[in-house]
Amino acid sequence: MLKNVMDGEVEKRWRSHSTMMIKYLLIHKNSVMSRYKNRTQILREDIMKESVIYQDILEQGNKENNV
């Protein structure tokens, strides 16, 4: 009996918490998405910078090997 009451209480809390999270995401969807897009854009730029650096290193190594 007590276990069923506790399970019901946990389920009620979980539902209210998940409902609050969904409401938060719906309300703040644009800011959450823009933050996500900004982070992915920054990561993309970092990856591009690193790939250019590695490409330069490879080209330099190829030049030294061909000489």
PDB file of N, CA and C in Angstrom:
ATOM      1  N   MET A   1       0.844  -1.210   0.000  1.00  0.00           N
ATOM      2  CA  MET A   1       0.000   0.000   0.000  1.00  0.00           C
ATOM      3  C   MET A   1       0.876   1.256   0.000  1.00  0.00           C
ATOM      4  N   LEU A   2       1.846   1.289   0.916  1.00  0.00           N
ATOM      5  CA  LEU A   2       2.720   2.460   1.015  1.00  0.00           C
ATOM      6  C   LEU A   2       3.530   2.634  -0.276  1.00  0.00           C
ATOM      7  N   LYS A   3       3.984   1.500  -0.855  1.00  0.00           N
ATOM      8  CA  LYS A   3       4.745   1.565  -2.101  1.00  0.00           C
ATOM      9  C   LYS A   3       3.899   2.181  -3.212  1.00  0.00           C
ATOM     10  N   ASN A   4       2.641   1.792  -3.313  1.00  0.00           N
ATOM     11  CA  ASN A   4       1.761   2.358  -4.343  1.00  0.00           C
ATOM     12  C   ASN A   4       1.588   3.853  -4.147  1.00  0.00           C
ATOM     13  N   VAL A   5       1.458   4.275  -2.903  1.00  0.00           N
ATOM     14  CA  VAL A   5       1.323   5.712  -2.619  1.00  0.00           C
ATOM     15  C   VAL A   5       2.599   6.435  -3.038  1.00  0.00           C
ATOM     16  N   MET A   6       3.758   5.855  -2.696  1.00  0.00           N
ATOM     17  CA  MET A   6       5.035   6.477  -3.062  1.00  0.00           C
ATOM     18  C   MET A   6       5.206   6.512  -4.583  1.00  0.00           C
ATOM     19  N   ASP A   7       4.858   5.416  -5.259  1.00  0.00           N
ATOM     20  CA  ASP A   7       4.958   5.393  -6.727  1.00  0.00           C
ATOM     21  C   ASP A   7       4.071   6.464  -7.343  1.00  0.00           C
ATOM     22  N   GLY A   8       2.870   6.598  -6.802  1.00  0.00           N
ATOM     23  CA  GLY A   8       1.954   7.625  -7.302  1.00  0.00           C
ATOM     24  C   GLY A   8       2.512   9.020  -7.097  1.00  0.00           C
ATOM     25  N   GLU A   9       3.144   9.232  -5.944  1.00  0.00           N
ATOM     26  CA  GLU A   9       3.732  10.543  -5.637  1.00  0.00           C
ATOM     27  C   GLU A   9       4.900  10.842  -6.576  1.00  0.00           C
ATOM     28  N   VAL A  10       5.725   9.841  -6.802  1.00  0.00           N
ATOM     29  CA  VAL A  10       6.868  10.018  -7.707  1.00  0.00           C
ATOM     30  C   VAL A  10       6.366  10.313  -9.121  1.00  0.00           C
ATOM     31  N   GLU A  11       5.363   9.565  -9.558  1.00  0.00           N
ATOM     32  CA  GLU A  11       4.823   9.776 -10.901  1.00  0.00           C
ATOM     33  C   GLU A  11       4.225  11.175 -11.030  1.00  0.00           C
ATOM     34  N   LYS A  12       3.536  11.625  -9.984  1.00  0.00           N
ATOM     35  CA  LYS A  12       2.931  12.960 -10.006  1.00  0.00           C
ATOM     36  C   LYS A  12       4.023  14.028 -10.109  1.00  0.00           C
ATOM     37  N   ARG A  13       5.080  13.863  -9.321  1.00  0.00           N
ATOM     38  CA  ARG A  13       6.184  14.831  -9.364  1.00  0.00           C
ATOM     39  C   ARG A  13       6.846  14.823 -10.734  1.00  0.00           C
ATOM     40  N   TRP A  14       7.086  13.619 -11.269  1.00  0.00           N
ATOM     41  CA  TRP A  14       7.734  13.506 -12.571  1.00  0.00           C
ATOM     42  C   TRP A  14       6.894  14.176 -13.644  1.00  0.00           C
ATOM     43  N   ARG A  15       5.574  13.924 -13.600  1.00  0.00           N
ATOM     44  CA  ARG A  15       4.690  14.541 -14.599  1.00  0.00           C
ATOM     45  C   ARG A  15       4.699  16.054 -14.485  1.00  0.00           C
ATOM     46  N   SER A  16       4.636  16.570 -13.257  1.00  0.00           N
ATOM     47  CA  SER A  16       4.618  18.025 -13.112  1.00  0.00           C
ATOM     48  C   SER A  16       5.949  18.608 -13.560  1.00  0.00           C
ATOM     49  N   HIS A  17       7.045  17.917 -13.244  1.00  0.00           N
ATOM     50  CA  HIS A  17       8.362  18.407 -13.658  1.00  0.00           C
ATOM     51  C   HIS A  17       8.480  18.395 -15.179  1.00  0.00           C
ATOM     52  N   SER A  18       8.059  17.289 -15.816  1.00  0.00           N
ATOM     53  CA  SER A  18       8.169  17.218 -17.277  1.00  0.00           C
ATOM     54  C   SER A  18       7.248  18.237 -17.930  1.00  0.00           C
ATOM     55  N   THR A  19       6.078  18.476 -17.330  1.00  0.00           N
ATOM     56  CA  THR A  19       5.173  19.503 -17.862  1.00  0.00           C
ATOM     57  C   THR A  19       5.814  20.880 -17.760  1.00  0.00           C
ATOM     58  N   MET A  20       6.483  21.144 -16.627  1.00  0.00           N
ATOM     59  CA  MET A  20       7.161  22.440 -16.475  1.00  0.00           C
ATOM     60  C   MET A  20       8.267  22.590 -17.506  1.00  0.00           C
ATOM     61  N   MET A  21       9.023  21.504 -17.753  1.00  0.00           N
ATOM     62  CA  MET A  21      10.103  21.575 -18.742  1.00  0.00           C
ATOM     63  C   MET A  21       9.544  21.848 -20.142  1.00  0.00           C
ATOM     64  N   ILE A  22       8.442  21.179 -20.473  1.00  0.00           N
ATOM     65  CA  ILE A  22       7.837  21.396 -21.791  1.00  0.00           C
ATOM     66  C   ILE A  22       7.348  22.836 -21.912  1.00  0.00           C
ATOM     67  N   LYS A  23       6.709  23.344 -20.852  1.00  0.00           N
ATOM     68  CA  LYS A  23       6.241  24.734 -20.880  1.00  0.00           C
ATOM     69  C   LYS A  23       7.412  25.685 -21.029  1.00  0.00           C
ATOM     70  N   TYR A  24       8.499  25.425 -20.295  1.00  0.00           N
ATOM     71  CA  TYR A  24       9.685  26.278 -20.382  1.00  0.00           C
ATOM     72  C   TYR A  24      10.225  26.292 -21.807  1.00  0.00           C
ATOM     73  N   LEU A  25      10.330  25.089 -22.395  1.00  0.00           N
ATOM     74  CA  LEU A  25      10.874  25.013 -23.757  1.00  0.00           C
ATOM     75  C   LEU A  25       9.970  25.707 -24.764  1.00  0.00           C
ATOM     76  N   LEU A  26       8.657  25.564 -24.568  1.00  0.00           N
ATOM     77  CA  LEU A  26       7.742  26.232 -25.494  1.00  0.00           C
ATOM     78  C   LEU A  26       7.837  27.744 -25.366  1.00  0.00           C
ATOM     79  N   ILE A  27       7.951  28.224 -24.129  1.00  0.00           N
ATOM     80  CA  ILE A  27       8.024  29.669 -23.908  1.00  0.00           C
ATOM     81  C   ILE A  27       9.356  30.221 -24.404  1.00  0.00           C
ATOM     82  N   HIS A  28      10.439  29.504 -24.090  1.00  0.00           N
ATOM     83  CA  HIS A  28      11.775  30.015 -24.384  1.00  0.00           C
ATOM     84  C   HIS A  28      12.390  29.352 -25.616  1.00  0.00           C
ATOM     85  N   LYS A  29      11.553  28.785 -26.468  1.00  0.00           N
ATOM     86  CA  LYS A  29      12.040  28.031 -27.627  1.00  0.00           C
ATOM     87  C   LYS A  29      13.010  28.849 -28.478  1.00  0.00           C
ATOM     88  N   ASN A  30      12.645  30.084 -28.753  1.00  0.00           N
ATOM     89  CA  ASN A  30      13.484  30.887 -29.641  1.00  0.00           C
ATOM     90  C   ASN A  30      14.853  31.165 -29.041  1.00  0.00           C
ATOM     91  N   SER A  31      14.893  31.517 -27.757  1.00  0.00           N
ATOM     92  CA  SER A  31      16.196  31.806 -27.160  1.00  0.00           C
ATOM     93  C   SER A  31      17.027  30.542 -27.026  1.00  0.00           C
ATOM     94  N   VAL A  32      16.384  29.419 -26.697  1.00  0.00           N
ATOM     95  CA  VAL A  32      17.114  28.151 -26.599  1.00  0.00           C
ATOM     96  C   VAL A  32      17.673  27.775 -27.965  1.00  0.00           C
ATOM     97  N   MET A  33      16.855  27.899 -29.003  1.00  0.00           N
ATOM     98  CA  MET A  33      17.309  27.555 -30.342  1.00  0.00           C
ATOM     99  C   MET A  33      18.416  28.492 -30.817  1.00  0.00           C
ATOM    100  N   SER A  34      18.287  29.784 -30.518  1.00  0.00           N
ATOM    101  CA  SER A  34      19.322  30.707 -30.977  1.00  0.00           C
ATOM    102  C   SER A  34      20.638  30.442 -30.253  1.00  0.00           C
ATOM    103  N   ARG A  35      20.572  30.091 -28.955  1.00  0.00           N
ATOM    104  CA  ARG A  35      21.798  29.738 -28.241  1.00  0.00           C
ATOM    105  C   ARG A  35      22.428  28.494 -28.849  1.00  0.00           C
ATOM    106  N   TYR A  36      21.600  27.513 -29.172  1.00  0.00           N
ATOM    107  CA  TYR A  36      22.095  26.274 -29.786  1.00  0.00           C
ATOM    108  C   TYR A  36      22.737  26.579 -31.141  1.00  0.00           C
ATOM    109  N   LYS A  37      22.064  27.405 -31.937  1.00  0.00           N
ATOM    110  CA  LYS A  37      22.604  27.745 -33.256  1.00  0.00           C
ATOM    111  C   LYS A  37      23.907  28.511 -33.123  1.00  0.00           C
ATOM    112  N   ASN A  38      23.975  29.430 -32.148  1.00  0.00           N
ATOM    113  CA  ASN A  38      25.219  30.175 -31.943  1.00  0.00           C
ATOM    114  C   ASN A  38      26.360  29.242 -31.573  1.00  0.00           C
ATOM    115  N   ARG A  39      26.092  28.295 -30.680  1.00  0.00           N
ATOM    116  CA  ARG A  39      27.143  27.351 -30.266  1.00  0.00           C
ATOM    117  C   ARG A  39      27.594  26.492 -31.432  1.00  0.00           C
ATOM    118  N   THR A  40      26.636  25.997 -32.224  1.00  0.00           N
ATOM    119  CA  THR A  40      27.036  25.155 -33.355  1.00  0.00           C
ATOM    120  C   THR A  40      27.793  25.974 -34.390  1.00  0.00           C
ATOM    121  N   GLN A  41      27.415  27.228 -34.570  1.00  0.00           N
ATOM    122  CA  GLN A  41      28.126  28.087 -35.509  1.00  0.00           C
ATOM    123  C   GLN A  41      29.557  28.317 -35.053  1.00  0.00           C
ATOM    124  N   ILE A  42      29.739  28.562 -33.753  1.00  0.00           N
ATOM    125  CA  ILE A  42      31.084  28.763 -33.211  1.00  0.00           C
ATOM    126  C   ILE A  42      31.913  27.495 -33.384  1.00  0.00           C
ATOM    127  N   LEU A  43      31.304  26.342 -33.097  1.00  0.00           N
ATOM    128  CA  LEU A  43      32.019  25.075 -33.272  1.00  0.00           C
ATOM    129  C   LEU A  43      32.412  24.867 -34.731  1.00  0.00           C
ATOM    130  N   ARG A  44      31.482  25.177 -35.640  1.00  0.00           N
ATOM    131  CA  ARG A  44      31.773  25.028 -37.066  1.00  0.00           C
ATOM    132  C   ARG A  44      32.953  25.903 -37.469  1.00  0.00           C
ATOM    133  N   GLU A  45      32.954  27.148 -36.979  1.00  0.00           N
ATOM    134  CA  GLU A  45      34.046  28.061 -37.319  1.00  0.00           C
ATOM    135  C   GLU A  45      35.374  27.552 -36.771  1.00  0.00           C
ATOM    136  N   ASP A  46      35.347  27.032 -35.537  1.00  0.00           N
ATOM    137  CA  ASP A  46      36.574  26.486 -34.943  1.00  0.00           C
ATOM    138  C   ASP A  46      37.097  25.309 -35.762  1.00  0.00           C
ATOM    139  N   ILE A  47      36.186  24.439 -36.179  1.00  0.00           N
ATOM    140  CA  ILE A  47      36.589  23.273 -36.974  1.00  0.00           C
ATOM    141  C   ILE A  47      37.180  23.725 -38.302  1.00  0.00           C
ATOM    142  N   MET A  48      36.570  24.732 -38.912  1.00  0.00           N
ATOM    143  CA  MET A  48      37.101  25.224 -40.187  1.00  0.00           C
ATOM    144  C   MET A  48      38.493  25.818 -39.999  1.00  0.00           C
ATOM    145  N   LYS A  49      38.698  26.587 -38.921  1.00  0.00           N
ATOM    146  CA  LYS A  49      40.017  27.162 -38.657  1.00  0.00           C
ATOM    147  C   LYS A  49      41.057  26.063 -38.481  1.00  0.00           C
ATOM    148  N   GLU A  50      40.695  25.041 -37.687  1.00  0.00           N
ATOM    149  CA  GLU A  50      41.637  23.947 -37.457  1.00  0.00           C
ATOM    150  C   GLU A  50      41.936  23.191 -38.742  1.00  0.00           C
ATOM    151  N   SER A  51      40.922  22.987 -39.571  1.00  0.00           N
ATOM    152  CA  SER A  51      41.166  22.252 -40.817  1.00  0.00           C
ATOM    153  C   SER A  51      42.077  23.047 -41.742  1.00  0.00           C
ATOM    154  N   VAL A  52      41.949  24.372 -41.747  1.00  0.00           N
ATOM    155  CA  VAL A  52      42.841  25.209 -42.567  1.00  0.00           C
ATOM    156  C   VAL A  52      44.265  25.097 -42.039  1.00  0.00           C
ATOM    157  N   ILE A  53      44.413  25.108 -40.704  1.00  0.00           N
ATOM    158  CA  ILE A  53      45.749  24.983 -40.115  1.00  0.00           C
ATOM    159  C   ILE A  53      46.363  23.633 -40.489  1.00  0.00           C
ATOM    160  N   TYR A  54      45.586  22.555 -40.348  1.00  0.00           N
ATOM    161  CA  TYR A  54      46.103  21.229 -40.691  1.00  0.00           C
ATOM    162  C   TYR A  54      46.433  21.132 -42.177  1.00  0.00           C
ATOM    163  N   GLN A  55      45.602  21.743 -43.004  1.00  0.00           N
ATOM    164  CA  GLN A  55      45.870  21.734 -44.449  1.00  0.00           C
ATOM    165  C   GLN A  55      47.192  22.441 -44.743  1.00  0.00           C
ATOM    166  N   ASP A  56      47.433  23.577 -44.070  1.00  0.00           N
ATOM    167  CA  ASP A  56      48.693  24.294 -44.248  1.00  0.00           C
ATOM    168  C   ASP A  56      49.885  23.438 -43.818  1.00  0.00           C
ATOM    169  N   ILE A  57      49.719  22.739 -42.688  1.00  0.00           N
ATOM    170  CA  ILE A  57      50.801  21.879 -42.194  1.00  0.00           C
ATOM    171  C   ILE A  57      51.082  20.765 -43.195  1.00  0.00           C
ATOM    172  N   LEU A  58      50.018  20.151 -43.729  1.00  0.00           N
ATOM    173  CA  LEU A  58      50.198  19.087 -44.726  1.00  0.00           C
ATOM    174  C   LEU A  58      50.891  19.603 -45.974  1.00  0.00           C
ATOM    175  N   GLU A  59      50.477  20.762 -46.457  1.00  0.00           N
ATOM    176  CA  GLU A  59      51.087  21.328 -47.660  1.00  0.00           C
ATOM    177  C   GLU A  59      52.557  21.656 -47.415  1.00  0.00           C
ATOM    178  N   GLN A  60      52.841  22.189 -46.227  1.00  0.00           N
ATOM    179  CA  GLN A  60      54.235  22.509 -45.877  1.00  0.00           C
ATOM    180  C   GLN A  60      55.065  21.230 -45.852  1.00  0.00           C
ATOM    181  N   GLY A  61      54.501  20.174 -45.261  1.00  0.00           N
ATOM    182  CA  GLY A  61      55.208  18.892 -45.209  1.00  0.00           C
ATOM    183  C   GLY A  61      55.434  18.327 -46.593  1.00  0.00           C
ATOM    184  N   ASN A  62      54.449  18.454 -47.470  1.00  0.00           N
ATOM    185  CA  ASN A  62      54.592  17.958 -48.846  1.00  0.00           C
ATOM    186  C   ASN A  62      55.674  18.730 -49.588  1.00  0.00           C
ATOM    187  N   LYS A  63      55.723  20.056 -49.382  1.00  0.00           N
ATOM    188  CA  LYS A  63      56.740  20.880 -50.040  1.00  0.00           C
ATOM    189  C   LYS A  63      58.128  20.464 -49.585  1.00  0.00           C
ATOM    190  N   GLU A  64      58.259  20.228 -48.250  1.00  0.00           N
ATOM    191  CA  GLU A  64      59.578  19.845 -47.723  1.00  0.00           C
ATOM    192  C   GLU A  64      60.000  18.471 -48.251  1.00  0.00           C
ATOM    193  N   ASN A  65      59.035  17.566 -48.407  1.00  0.00           N
ATOM    194  CA  ASN A  65      59.361  16.228 -48.910  1.00  0.00           C
ATOM    195  C   ASN A  65      59.703  16.247 -50.390  1.00  0.00           C
ATOM    196  N   ASN A  66      59.108  17.159 -51.144  1.00  0.00           N
ATOM    197  CA  ASN A  66      59.355  17.222 -52.588  1.00  0.00           C
ATOM    198  C   ASN A  66      60.662  17.921 -52.922  1.00  0.00           C
ATOM    199  N   VAL A  67      61.209  18.678 -51.978  1.00  0.00           N
ATOM    200  CA  VAL A  67      62.435  19.437 -52.244  1.00  0.00           C
ATOM    201  C   VAL A  67      63.625  18.584 -52.206  1.00  0.00           C
TER     202      VAL A  67
END
